[in-house]
Protein backbone atom coordinates (compact mmCIF):
# COMPACT_ATOMS: atom_id res chain seq x y z
CA MET A 1 151.10 102.68 116.80
CA ARG A 2 148.30 101.78 114.51
CA ARG A 3 144.73 101.93 115.66
CA LYS A 4 142.33 99.15 114.82
CA PRO A 5 139.43 100.28 112.69
CA LEU A 6 136.23 100.40 114.69
CA SER A 7 133.50 98.12 113.46
CA ASN A 8 130.78 99.05 115.90
CA GLY A 9 128.16 99.89 113.30
CA PHE A 10 126.86 99.29 109.84
CA THR A 11 128.04 100.88 106.66
CA LEU A 12 125.75 103.09 104.63
CA LEU A 13 125.54 100.42 101.93
CA GLU A 14 124.45 97.80 104.47
CA LEU A 15 121.77 100.11 105.85
CA LEU A 16 120.45 100.96 102.38
CA THR A 17 120.34 97.27 101.47
CA ALA A 18 118.46 96.39 104.65
CA ILE A 19 115.97 99.23 104.14
CA SER A 20 115.43 98.19 100.52
CA ILE A 21 114.78 94.57 101.48
CA PHE A 22 112.39 95.66 104.25
CA SER A 23 110.54 97.96 101.84
CA LEU A 24 110.14 95.23 99.24
CA MET A 25 108.86 92.77 101.84
CA SER A 26 106.40 95.38 103.13
CA LEU A 27 105.09 95.99 99.61
CA LEU A 28 104.69 92.26 99.03
CA ALA A 29 102.83 91.86 102.32
CA TYR A 30 100.52 94.76 101.43
CA ALA A 31 99.80 93.30 97.99
CA LEU A 32 99.05 89.92 99.54
CA MET A 33 96.70 91.39 102.14
CA ASP A 34 94.95 93.48 99.49
CA GLY A 35 94.36 90.36 97.40
CA VAL A 36 93.04 88.44 100.41
CA THR A 37 90.68 91.31 101.27
CA ARG A 38 89.31 91.46 97.72
CA PHE A 39 88.87 87.69 97.64
CA GLN A 40 87.04 87.80 100.97
CA LYS A 41 84.68 90.54 99.76
CA ALA A 42 83.89 88.59 96.60
CA GLY A 43 83.21 85.48 98.67
CA MET A 44 80.87 87.40 100.96
CA GLU A 45 78.92 88.74 97.98
CA ILE A 46 78.55 85.24 96.56
CA THR A 47 77.39 83.96 99.95
CA GLN A 48 74.79 86.72 100.22
CA ASN A 49 73.49 85.93 96.73
CA ILE A 50 73.20 82.24 97.58
CA GLU A 51 71.35 83.04 100.81
CA ALA A 52 68.91 85.31 98.93
CA TYR A 53 68.32 82.57 96.36
CA GLN A 54 67.69 80.01 99.12
CA LYS A 55 65.18 82.28 100.87
CA THR A 56 63.37 82.88 97.58
CA MET A 57 63.20 79.16 96.90
CA GLN A 58 61.86 78.52 100.41
CA TRP A 59 59.10 81.09 99.94
CA LEU A 60 58.18 79.66 96.56
CA HIS A 61 58.05 76.17 98.04
CA ILE A 62 55.77 77.39 100.86
CA ALA A 63 53.55 79.20 98.36
CA LYS A 64 53.30 76.07 96.22
CA ARG A 65 52.54 73.86 99.21
CA PHE A 66 49.67 76.09 100.35
CA ASN A 67 48.56 76.64 96.76
CA PHE A 68 49.01 80.40 96.86
CA SER A 69 48.53 82.10 93.56
CA TYR A 70 51.19 84.45 92.37
CA ASN A 71 51.62 86.17 89.07
CA ILE A 72 54.89 85.83 87.28
CA LYS A 73 55.18 87.92 84.14
CA ASN A 74 57.65 86.99 81.47
């Protein structure tokens, strides 16, 4: 009597393939998140610079309106 081969699991090749695909997808996800984080930091720096510029312009406008004197050296 012949026994049927058991197919209750995965072969080593199937496991290695699945692990490789999972590893590649993890690396791609990490690279994507790293890029998003860098982009977000750059955007925050730009926003802070714009806010500082706006505050400076507001103070200069107030100083001009009240005719404050200020020295600007070139």
